[in-house]
Protein backbone atom coordinates (compact mmCIF):
# COMPACT_ATOMS: atom_id res chain seq x y z
CA MET A 1 142.19 -58.52 -205.21
CA SER A 2 144.01 -58.93 -201.83
CA ASP A 3 140.89 -58.45 -199.98
CA GLU A 4 139.39 -61.33 -202.15
CA ILE A 5 142.48 -63.52 -201.30
CA GLU A 6 142.26 -62.56 -198.17
CA VAL A 7 138.66 -63.76 -197.58
CA VAL A 8 139.18 -66.97 -199.53
CA GLY A 9 141.98 -67.52 -196.96
CA THR A 10 139.78 -67.22 -194.08
CA TYR A 11 136.93 -69.18 -195.49
CA SER A 12 139.60 -71.80 -196.31
CA ASP A 13 141.03 -71.55 -192.44
CA THR A 14 137.22 -72.03 -191.50
CA GLU A 15 136.59 -74.55 -193.35
CA GLU A 16 139.69 -76.52 -192.27
CA HIS A 17 138.78 -75.73 -188.28
CA GLU A 18 135.26 -77.55 -188.93
CA SER A 19 136.87 -80.47 -190.57
CA LEU A 20 139.33 -80.64 -187.82
CA THR A 21 136.51 -80.50 -185.19
CA ASP A 22 134.41 -82.94 -186.92
CA GLN A 23 137.74 -85.53 -186.98
CA ASN A 24 137.97 -84.96 -183.62
CA SER A 25 134.10 -85.50 -182.76
CA LEU A 26 134.54 -88.68 -185.03
CA VAL A 27 137.33 -89.99 -183.13
CA SER A 28 135.77 -89.37 -179.92
CA GLN A 29 132.53 -91.23 -180.80
CA ASN A 30 135.00 -93.63 -182.14
CA GLY A 31 136.80 -94.11 -178.78
CA SER A 32 133.64 -93.93 -176.74
CA LEU A 33 132.03 -96.86 -179.05
CA VAL A 34 135.73 -99.16 -178.54
CA ASP A 35 135.27 -98.41 -174.97
CA GLU A 36 131.51 -99.63 -175.08
CA ILE A 37 132.87 -102.84 -176.84
CA ASP A 38 135.38 -103.07 -174.35
CA ALA A 39 133.29 -103.06 -171.53
CA ALA A 40 130.80 -105.26 -173.09
CA THR A 41 133.17 -107.89 -173.80
CA LYS A 42 134.65 -107.77 -170.45
CA ARG A 43 131.16 -108.00 -168.83
CA LYS A 44 130.29 -111.08 -171.32
CA LYS A 45 133.75 -112.60 -170.05
CA HIS A 46 133.21 -112.15 -166.35
CA TRP A 47 129.71 -113.75 -166.61
CA ARG A 48 131.46 -116.91 -168.85
CA ASN A 49 133.86 -116.96 -166.15
CA LEU A 50 130.88 -117.06 -163.22
CA LEU A 51 129.12 -119.47 -165.33
CA SER A 52 132.34 -121.54 -165.89
CA PHE A 53 133.42 -121.90 -162.17
CA TRP A 54 129.67 -122.73 -161.29
CA LEU A 55 129.78 -125.58 -163.72
CA LEU A 56 133.33 -126.61 -162.57
CA GLY A 57 131.98 -126.95 -158.94
CA LEU A 58 128.75 -128.93 -160.04
CA THR A 59 130.74 -131.49 -161.80
CA ASN A 60 133.59 -132.07 -159.72
CA ASN A 61 131.52 -132.74 -156.50
CA PHE A 62 128.90 -134.41 -158.49
CA ALA A 63 130.72 -138.11 -158.53
CA TYR A 64 131.83 -137.57 -154.65
CA VAL A 65 128.08 -136.97 -153.76
CA VAL A 66 126.63 -139.72 -155.84
CA MET A 67 128.92 -142.38 -154.02
CA LEU A 68 128.17 -141.09 -150.84
CA SER A 69 124.29 -141.11 -151.71
CA ALA A 70 124.94 -144.72 -153.18
CA ALA A 71 126.81 -145.70 -149.75
CA HIS A 72 124.03 -148.07 -148.56
CA ASP A 73 123.25 -149.20 -152.05
CA ILE A 74 127.01 -150.04 -152.77
CA LEU A 75 127.37 -151.93 -149.28
CA SER A 76 124.34 -153.76 -149.96
CA GLN A 77 124.75 -155.00 -153.61
CA ASP A 78 124.95 -158.62 -154.63
CA PHE A 79 127.36 -159.22 -156.87
CA ASN A 80 127.33 -162.73 -157.48
CA GLY A 81 123.64 -163.06 -157.94
CA GLY A 82 122.73 -163.89 -161.68
CA GLY A 83 119.11 -162.22 -161.94
CA GLY A 84 118.36 -158.75 -163.09
CA GLY A 85 117.40 -156.25 -160.35
CA GLY A 86 115.24 -153.16 -159.64
CA GLY A 87 115.36 -150.29 -157.77
CA GLY A 88 116.50 -149.84 -154.03
CA ASP A 89 114.54 -152.42 -152.67
CA ALA A 90 114.81 -155.41 -155.41
CA GLY A 91 116.40 -158.45 -154.89
CA GLY A 92 118.79 -160.41 -157.35
CA GLY A 93 121.88 -159.74 -159.31
CA ASN A 94 123.15 -157.51 -161.99
CA GLY A 95 124.38 -155.46 -158.99
CA SER A 96 121.17 -154.64 -157.63
CA VAL A 97 120.36 -154.12 -153.95
CA THR A 98 119.15 -157.25 -152.14
CA PRO A 99 116.42 -157.07 -149.86
CA GLY A 100 117.30 -155.11 -146.07
CA ASN A 101 116.51 -155.89 -142.98
CA ASP A 102 112.99 -154.51 -142.98
CA THR A 103 111.27 -157.66 -141.87
CA ASN A 104 114.16 -158.57 -139.47
CA THR A 105 112.85 -159.10 -136.05
CA THR A 106 115.97 -159.76 -134.29
CA ASN A 107 117.66 -156.42 -135.25
CA PRO A 108 114.91 -153.85 -135.86
CA ARG A 109 117.62 -151.30 -136.11
CA ASP A 110 118.20 -152.99 -139.91
CA CYS A 111 122.01 -152.58 -139.73
CA ASN A 112 124.45 -152.94 -142.41
CA THR A 113 127.35 -155.42 -141.72
CA ILE A 114 129.63 -152.53 -142.48
CA SER A 115 129.43 -148.94 -142.11
CA THR A 116 128.59 -146.39 -144.56
CA GLY A 117 131.88 -144.48 -142.83
CA ALA A 118 133.54 -147.31 -144.83
CA VAL A 119 132.38 -146.05 -148.10
CA LEU A 120 133.20 -142.28 -146.40
CA LEU A 121 136.68 -143.09 -145.75
CA ALA A 122 137.20 -144.52 -149.45
CA ASP A 123 135.63 -141.50 -150.54
CA ILE A 124 137.84 -139.12 -148.64
CA ILE A 125 141.60 -140.53 -147.99
CA PRO A 126 142.04 -140.30 -151.58
CA SER A 127 140.83 -136.88 -152.10
CA LEU A 128 143.05 -135.82 -148.68
CA LEU A 129 146.03 -137.27 -150.39
CA MET A 130 145.39 -135.34 -153.36
CA LYS A 131 145.10 -132.07 -151.61
CA LEU A 132 148.17 -132.73 -149.49
CA TRP A 133 150.26 -133.35 -152.78
CA ALA A 134 148.52 -130.75 -155.29
CA PRO A 135 149.60 -127.42 -153.36
CA PHE A 136 153.28 -128.48 -153.61
CA ILE A 137 153.76 -129.60 -157.34
CA PHE A 138 153.81 -127.62 -160.43
CA LEU A 139 151.86 -129.56 -162.76
CA HIS A 140 150.13 -127.32 -165.63
CA ILE A 141 146.54 -126.66 -164.64
CA HIS A 142 145.45 -128.29 -167.86
CA GLY A 143 147.06 -131.44 -167.11
CA ARG A 144 145.58 -131.23 -163.75
CA VAL A 145 141.73 -130.93 -165.20
CA SER A 146 142.42 -133.69 -167.74
CA LEU A 147 143.64 -135.72 -164.90
CA VAL A 148 140.41 -134.98 -162.87
CA VAL A 149 138.20 -135.77 -165.89
CA VAL A 150 139.85 -139.38 -166.58
CA LEU A 151 139.73 -140.00 -162.86
CA GLY A 152 135.64 -139.22 -162.98
CA THR A 153 135.20 -141.25 -165.86
CA CYS A 154 136.90 -144.49 -164.55
CA SER A 155 134.47 -143.91 -161.38
CA PHE A 156 131.45 -144.03 -162.94
CA LEU A 157 132.06 -146.73 -165.00
CA LEU A 158 134.01 -148.69 -162.50
CA VAL A 159 130.99 -148.88 -160.02
CA GLY A 160 128.27 -149.02 -162.76
CA LEU A 161 130.19 -152.24 -164.48
CA ALA A 162 131.57 -153.49 -160.76
CA THR A 163 131.50 -157.29 -160.38
CA SER A 164 132.95 -157.50 -156.95
CA ARG A 165 132.64 -155.00 -153.86
CA ILE A 166 136.74 -154.15 -154.20
CA MET A 167 136.29 -153.24 -157.82
CA ALA A 168 132.83 -150.84 -156.71
CA ILE A 169 135.37 -149.30 -154.05
CA PHE A 170 137.98 -148.64 -156.30
CA GLY A 171 135.38 -146.88 -158.15
CA VAL A 172 134.76 -144.80 -155.29
CA ILE A 173 138.44 -144.25 -154.66
CA CYS A 174 138.85 -142.79 -158.24
CA ALA A 175 135.79 -140.21 -157.45
CA ALA A 176 137.22 -139.17 -154.31
CA ALA A 177 140.83 -138.66 -156.08
CA GLY A 178 139.22 -136.76 -158.64
CA ALA A 179 137.04 -134.62 -156.52
CA GLY A 180 140.07 -133.85 -154.56
CA LEU A 181 142.33 -132.81 -157.27
CA GLY A 182 139.70 -130.76 -158.84
CA GLU A 183 138.98 -128.60 -155.56
CA VAL A 184 142.43 -127.85 -154.72
CA SER A 185 143.15 -127.02 -158.45
CA PHE A 186 140.26 -124.76 -159.05
CA LEU A 187 140.25 -123.05 -156.17
CA SER A 188 143.86 -122.05 -156.64
CA TYR A 189 143.17 -121.20 -160.21
CA SER A 190 140.43 -118.85 -159.07
CA ALA A 191 142.75 -116.39 -157.71
CA ASN A 192 143.57 -115.55 -161.59
CA TYR A 193 139.82 -114.22 -161.53
CA HIS A 194 137.32 -111.64 -159.72
CA GLU A 195 136.47 -112.82 -156.11
CA ASN A 196 132.84 -113.60 -157.05
CA VAL A 197 133.89 -116.82 -158.99
CA VAL A 198 134.65 -118.44 -155.33
CA SER A 199 130.78 -117.70 -154.23
CA THR A 200 129.67 -119.13 -157.99
CA TRP A 201 132.14 -122.23 -157.18
CA SER A 202 130.69 -122.81 -153.82
CA SER A 203 127.15 -122.52 -155.15
CA GLY A 204 128.05 -125.30 -157.68
CA THR A 205 129.53 -127.37 -155.62
CA GLY A 206 126.23 -127.13 -153.28
CA ALA A 207 124.11 -127.66 -156.46
CA ALA A 208 126.36 -130.74 -157.01
CA GLY A 209 124.91 -132.30 -153.88
CA VAL A 210 121.36 -131.53 -154.47
CA PHE A 211 121.48 -132.92 -158.19
CA GLY A 212 123.50 -135.82 -157.13
CA ALA A 213 121.61 -136.98 -154.81
CA VAL A 214 118.21 -136.23 -156.15
CA THR A 215 119.15 -137.63 -159.56
CA PHE A 216 120.39 -141.00 -157.98
CA ALA A 217 117.42 -140.94 -155.55
CA VAL A 218 114.77 -140.37 -158.40
CA LEU A 219 116.68 -142.65 -160.93
CA THR A 220 116.72 -145.65 -158.60
CA SER A 221 113.20 -144.66 -157.09
CA ALA A 222 111.44 -144.88 -161.02
CA GLY A 223 112.97 -148.64 -161.50
CA LEU A 224 116.36 -148.19 -162.51
CA THR A 225 119.17 -150.18 -160.85
CA PRO A 226 121.71 -148.33 -159.20
CA ARG A 227 124.37 -149.60 -161.74
CA THR A 228 122.24 -148.18 -164.60
CA SER A 229 121.73 -144.96 -162.64
CA VAL A 230 125.55 -144.69 -162.05
CA LEU A 231 126.45 -145.33 -165.81
CA ILE A 232 123.82 -142.41 -166.94
CA MET A 233 125.88 -140.16 -165.33
CA LEU A 234 128.88 -140.29 -167.57
CA VAL A 235 127.75 -137.21 -169.23
CA VAL A 236 129.10 -135.51 -166.16
CA PRO A 237 132.87 -135.61 -167.02
CA LEU A 238 132.15 -134.14 -170.51
CA ILE A 239 130.23 -131.22 -169.17
CA MET A 240 133.50 -130.27 -166.96
CA SER A 241 135.53 -130.56 -169.88
CA VAL A 242 133.34 -127.93 -172.01
CA SER A 243 133.12 -125.91 -169.10
CA PHE A 244 136.54 -125.48 -168.43
CA TRP A 245 137.98 -125.53 -172.20
CA VAL A 246 135.33 -123.88 -174.01
CA ILE A 247 133.20 -121.50 -171.50
CA LEU A 248 136.05 -120.78 -169.08
CA THR A 249 138.33 -117.69 -170.56
CA HIS A 250 141.88 -118.43 -169.55
CA PRO A 251 144.68 -115.87 -168.75
CA VAL A 252 147.64 -115.60 -171.42
CA ARG A 253 150.03 -117.05 -168.75
CA THR A 254 148.01 -120.09 -168.07
CA LYS A 255 146.83 -121.05 -171.68
CA CYS A 256 148.22 -124.21 -172.78
CA CYS A 257 149.86 -123.65 -176.42
CA SER A 258 152.28 -126.46 -178.00
CA PRO A 259 154.23 -126.98 -176.18
CA CYS A 260 152.40 -126.01 -172.94
CA MET A 261 154.03 -123.08 -171.43
CA LYS A 262 155.40 -123.29 -167.89
CA TYR A 263 152.65 -122.19 -165.52
CA GLY A 264 152.81 -118.86 -164.20
CA SER A 265 155.17 -117.73 -167.05
CA ILE A 266 153.61 -114.81 -168.92
CA SER A 267 154.08 -113.38 -172.51
CA GLU A 268 156.50 -110.04 -173.42
CA GLU A 269 153.33 -108.40 -174.70
CA GLU A 270 151.40 -109.29 -171.50
CA GLU A 271 154.35 -108.19 -169.14
CA GLU A 272 154.48 -104.85 -170.76
CA SER A 273 150.87 -104.54 -170.62
CA MET A 274 150.53 -105.17 -167.07
CA LEU A 275 150.96 -103.01 -163.91
CA PRO A 276 154.05 -103.59 -161.78
CA SER A 277 151.61 -104.40 -158.81
CA SER A 278 149.20 -106.75 -160.92
CA ARG A 279 152.50 -108.87 -162.42
CA PRO A 280 152.18 -112.45 -161.17
CA SER A 281 154.71 -113.08 -158.14
CA PRO A 282 157.37 -115.71 -158.29
CA PRO A 283 156.20 -119.28 -157.15
CA LEU A 284 156.45 -119.80 -153.33
CA THR A 285 159.49 -121.86 -152.18
CA PHE A 286 158.42 -125.05 -149.71
CA SER A 287 159.92 -123.20 -146.83
CA GLN A 288 157.77 -120.61 -147.45
CA LYS A 289 154.46 -122.28 -148.09
CA MET A 290 155.39 -124.13 -144.64
CA ASN A 291 156.01 -120.69 -143.00
CA LEU A 292 152.54 -119.42 -143.87
CA LEU A 293 150.74 -122.57 -142.70
CA PRO A 294 150.54 -121.40 -139.08
CA SER A 295 148.75 -118.13 -140.07
CA LEU A 296 145.95 -120.18 -142.10
CA MET A 297 145.22 -122.17 -138.83
CA LYS A 298 142.53 -119.69 -138.00
CA TYR A 299 140.37 -120.31 -141.31
CA MET A 300 141.17 -124.03 -141.14
CA ILE A 301 140.55 -125.13 -137.56
CA PRO A 302 136.46 -123.94 -137.50
CA VAL A 303 136.35 -125.68 -140.84
CA PHE A 304 137.84 -128.95 -139.73
CA MET A 305 135.31 -129.04 -136.45
CA VAL A 306 132.39 -128.46 -138.41
CA TYR A 307 132.95 -130.91 -141.05
CA LEU A 308 134.21 -133.78 -138.15
CA ALA A 309 130.95 -133.29 -136.48
CA GLU A 310 128.75 -133.20 -139.84
CA TYR A 311 130.27 -136.37 -141.24
CA VAL A 312 130.00 -138.02 -138.16
CA ILE A 313 126.01 -137.56 -138.46
CA ASN A 314 125.93 -138.20 -142.40
CA GLN A 315 128.05 -141.43 -142.43
CA GLY A 316 127.61 -142.91 -138.82
CA LEU A 317 124.39 -141.70 -137.28
CA LEU A 318 121.81 -140.82 -140.07
CA GLU A 319 121.97 -144.71 -141.40
CA LEU A 320 120.77 -145.43 -138.11
CA VAL A 321 117.79 -143.29 -138.08
CA TYR A 322 115.55 -145.49 -139.69
CA PHE A 323 111.78 -145.04 -139.10
CA PRO A 324 110.28 -148.88 -139.83
CA GLU A 325 106.57 -147.54 -139.86
CA ASP A 326 107.14 -145.00 -142.81
CA ARG A 327 108.41 -148.03 -145.01
CA ALA A 328 105.16 -148.42 -146.86
CA TRP A 329 106.21 -145.31 -148.96
CA LEU A 330 110.04 -144.86 -148.27
CA ASP A 331 112.16 -147.99 -147.50
CA HIS A 332 115.52 -148.07 -145.44
CA HIS A 333 117.31 -147.43 -148.42
CA GLU A 334 115.06 -144.52 -149.69
CA GLN A 335 114.93 -142.91 -146.46
CA TYR A 336 118.74 -142.90 -146.58
CA ARG A 337 118.86 -141.37 -149.79
CA TRP A 338 116.28 -138.61 -149.13
CA TYR A 339 118.35 -137.86 -146.26
CA GLN A 340 121.32 -137.13 -148.28
CA VAL A 341 119.00 -135.17 -150.88
CA ILE A 342 117.54 -132.87 -148.25
CA TYR A 343 121.25 -132.46 -146.47
CA GLN A 344 122.45 -131.20 -150.15
CA VAL A 345 119.64 -128.70 -150.31
CA GLY A 346 120.98 -127.10 -147.16
CA VAL A 347 124.46 -127.18 -148.32
CA MET A 348 123.31 -125.66 -151.44
CA VAL A 349 121.41 -123.01 -150.09
CA SER A 350 124.14 -121.46 -147.51
CA ARG A 351 126.70 -121.95 -150.03
CA SER A 352 125.06 -119.62 -152.59
CA SER A 353 124.36 -117.06 -149.75
CA VAL A 354 127.77 -115.35 -149.41
CA ASN A 355 126.97 -112.46 -151.31
CA PHE A 356 124.08 -111.51 -149.06
CA VAL A 357 124.80 -113.19 -145.60
CA HIS A 358 128.50 -113.01 -144.44
CA ILE A 359 129.37 -115.10 -141.28
CA ASN A 360 133.08 -113.65 -139.52
CA HIS A 361 132.90 -116.01 -136.66
CA ILE A 362 133.05 -119.48 -138.29
CA TRP A 363 133.38 -121.27 -134.75
CA LYS A 364 130.05 -120.35 -133.88
CA THR A 365 128.60 -122.86 -136.81
CA SER A 366 130.88 -125.59 -135.33
CA VAL A 367 129.34 -125.20 -131.80
CA LEU A 368 125.76 -125.37 -133.76
CA GLN A 369 126.76 -128.87 -135.67
CA TRP A 370 128.28 -130.36 -132.23
CA ILE A 371 124.51 -129.74 -130.80
CA ASN A 372 123.49 -131.50 -133.90
CA VAL A 373 125.71 -134.54 -133.27
CA VAL A 374 124.38 -134.90 -129.72
CA LEU A 375 120.77 -134.78 -131.31
CA PHE A 376 121.16 -137.12 -133.93
CA LEU A 377 123.26 -139.65 -131.46
CA THR A 378 120.64 -139.83 -128.94
CA CYS A 379 117.88 -140.41 -131.84
CA ALA A 380 119.97 -143.14 -133.12
CA ILE A 381 120.10 -144.66 -129.55
CA TYR A 382 116.65 -144.15 -128.30
CA TRP A 383 114.63 -143.34 -131.18
CA TRP A 384 113.18 -140.61 -129.43
CA ILE A 385 112.24 -138.91 -132.60
CA LYS A 386 109.08 -140.23 -133.80
CA ASN A 387 108.46 -138.07 -136.87
CA ILE A 388 110.48 -138.29 -140.00
CA TRP A 389 109.63 -135.01 -140.78
CA LEU A 390 111.40 -133.53 -137.88
CA VAL A 391 114.60 -135.26 -138.82
CA PHE A 392 114.29 -134.04 -142.18
CA PHE A 393 114.23 -130.40 -140.83
CA LEU A 394 117.23 -131.13 -138.53
CA ILE A 395 119.23 -132.80 -141.47
CA PHE A 396 118.51 -129.75 -143.57
CA TRP A 397 119.50 -127.24 -140.81
CA GLU A 398 122.77 -129.60 -140.87
CA GLY A 399 123.41 -129.02 -144.64
CA LEU A 400 122.60 -125.10 -143.82
CA LEU A 401 125.42 -124.79 -141.29
CA GLY A 402 127.90 -127.19 -143.02
CA GLY A 403 127.57 -124.96 -146.38
CA ALA A 404 128.07 -121.46 -144.27
CA ALA A 405 131.07 -122.59 -142.87
CA TYR A 406 132.45 -123.55 -145.86
CA VAL A 407 131.87 -120.60 -148.35
CA ASN A 408 132.48 -118.00 -145.96
CA THR A 409 135.75 -119.42 -144.93
CA PHE A 410 137.26 -119.51 -148.61
CA TYR A 411 135.35 -116.17 -149.04
CA ARG A 412 137.38 -114.62 -146.08
CA VAL A 413 140.88 -116.32 -147.18
CA SER A 414 140.02 -114.59 -150.94
CA GLN A 415 139.42 -111.17 -149.12
CA GLU A 416 142.24 -111.57 -146.52
CA ILE A 417 145.05 -112.88 -147.95
CA SER A 418 147.30 -111.01 -150.03
CA GLU A 419 148.06 -111.56 -153.71
CA PRO A 420 151.48 -113.44 -153.55
CA HIS A 421 149.87 -115.89 -151.06
CA LYS A 422 146.65 -116.20 -152.15
CA GLU A 423 146.54 -119.27 -154.69
CA TYR A 424 148.32 -121.28 -152.21
CA ALA A 425 146.51 -120.39 -149.27
CA MET A 426 143.32 -121.18 -151.07
CA GLY A 427 144.41 -124.36 -152.15
CA VAL A 428 145.90 -125.77 -148.62
CA THR A 429 142.92 -124.82 -146.71
CA THR A 430 140.60 -127.42 -148.82
CA LEU A 431 142.51 -129.77 -146.40
CA ALA A 432 140.75 -128.47 -143.16
CA ASP A 433 137.50 -130.24 -144.60
CA SER A 434 139.45 -133.26 -145.82
CA PHE A 435 141.14 -133.90 -142.67
CA GLY A 436 137.68 -133.54 -140.52
CA ILE A 437 135.71 -135.92 -143.08
CA THR A 438 138.40 -138.26 -142.68
CA VAL A 439 138.55 -138.47 -139.03
CA ALA A 440 134.66 -138.38 -139.01
CA GLY A 441 134.93 -141.71 -141.15
CA LEU A 442 137.45 -143.58 -138.35
CA ILE A 443 134.61 -142.48 -135.83
CA ALA A 444 131.68 -143.53 -137.59
CA ILE A 445 132.35 -146.91 -137.98
CA PRO A 446 132.73 -147.83 -134.23
CA ILE A 447 129.84 -145.66 -133.69
CA HIS A 448 128.03 -147.58 -136.08
CA ASN A 449 128.85 -151.05 -134.70
CA ALA A 450 128.41 -150.05 -131.23
CA ILE A 451 125.06 -148.73 -131.52
CA CYS A 452 123.70 -151.76 -133.87
CA SER A 453 124.67 -153.96 -130.96
CA LEU A 454 122.26 -152.11 -128.88
CA PRO A 455 118.75 -152.97 -128.22
CA VAL A 456 116.06 -150.41 -129.55
CA LYS A 457 114.68 -148.70 -126.53
């Protein structure tokens, strides 16, 4: 009897052991499944963030690019006419472009009375002021983005519905302010994400150049007035809103609840789950920020020089590189628009290349860009380049250099600056290109006026 009981007990122990083994196996399988789900969720969030930053780069720079592409048209608009107007070379009112000086025998250079550098200044000074102001304020990121969306919407409305040149220029100012605030805010915010969002942001800003310039050139070439073309682009601020508030996944400490949590604060649950090394550092003081500036000069000075050269070309010289013999298929307005398109294609290609090509010595791009300045300056004065396709190639090369300097600079900052300083460094480095563009605008106006007074040799 005892033997039987002992056998049963042994059988019971075996059964219990098998049951525990099955449970452990089930737990292990469940754990693996949970890990796979977590990994898939993280991958999904990662790709959503990459897509979102690409779209944010696209929409942030779109209005800025369109205003520069439309610079020649904005300065040529007849705000007092009463008739309807067509495309780039149409006459009449309704904001259409008045005839250029294609038939002008006294000044074959076909110059505007005001350089497109004036539009550049209206398009960059507000952006520069925003970039100077933004790194030193603590406005919540959601408040900043809301302001960017409002400014972008106002820019398209003011330019599209302008009844005077002043009103159109004010629309350009709104576009510039929005782009400046957006750039410094989104690049600073990228410190909360994987470093690859810097690459996708830069690629998006490059794509903005292409899509903005191409969209404006195609719509106006198809017969729409510059006004109508600009108003169609009101969809862009809507896309930005969806990208930021729907597609992008936000860190808990930056989510906007009701009421909004102060930027930089974290919940108790998040703080407990974070490693000490990954907890957010306290905000930098003003003196700490100023002390950090000298160490950022090695990133900022080369970018300043590249953008100074680049925009002297774009807004001071390209308008004067004109091929009257090609006006049968591209008039002066259209030549300028397509110069902008080709330049932006070069920018997009190079800004999308940082994961494949790294440039550590950014100063080399500035040297090459200043060689381009000499080429375009002599071309604008002497018209020694007789083939528009060669100019197209040089403009594409110019865009490649500018885009490469931008993306490699910010990639290096994201790699080399320590975490406590990275967010501020990303934001303040954006000042370099804006300072360069501002100085270029100031230089472009007298260069334009001087060259326009010269006879064609």
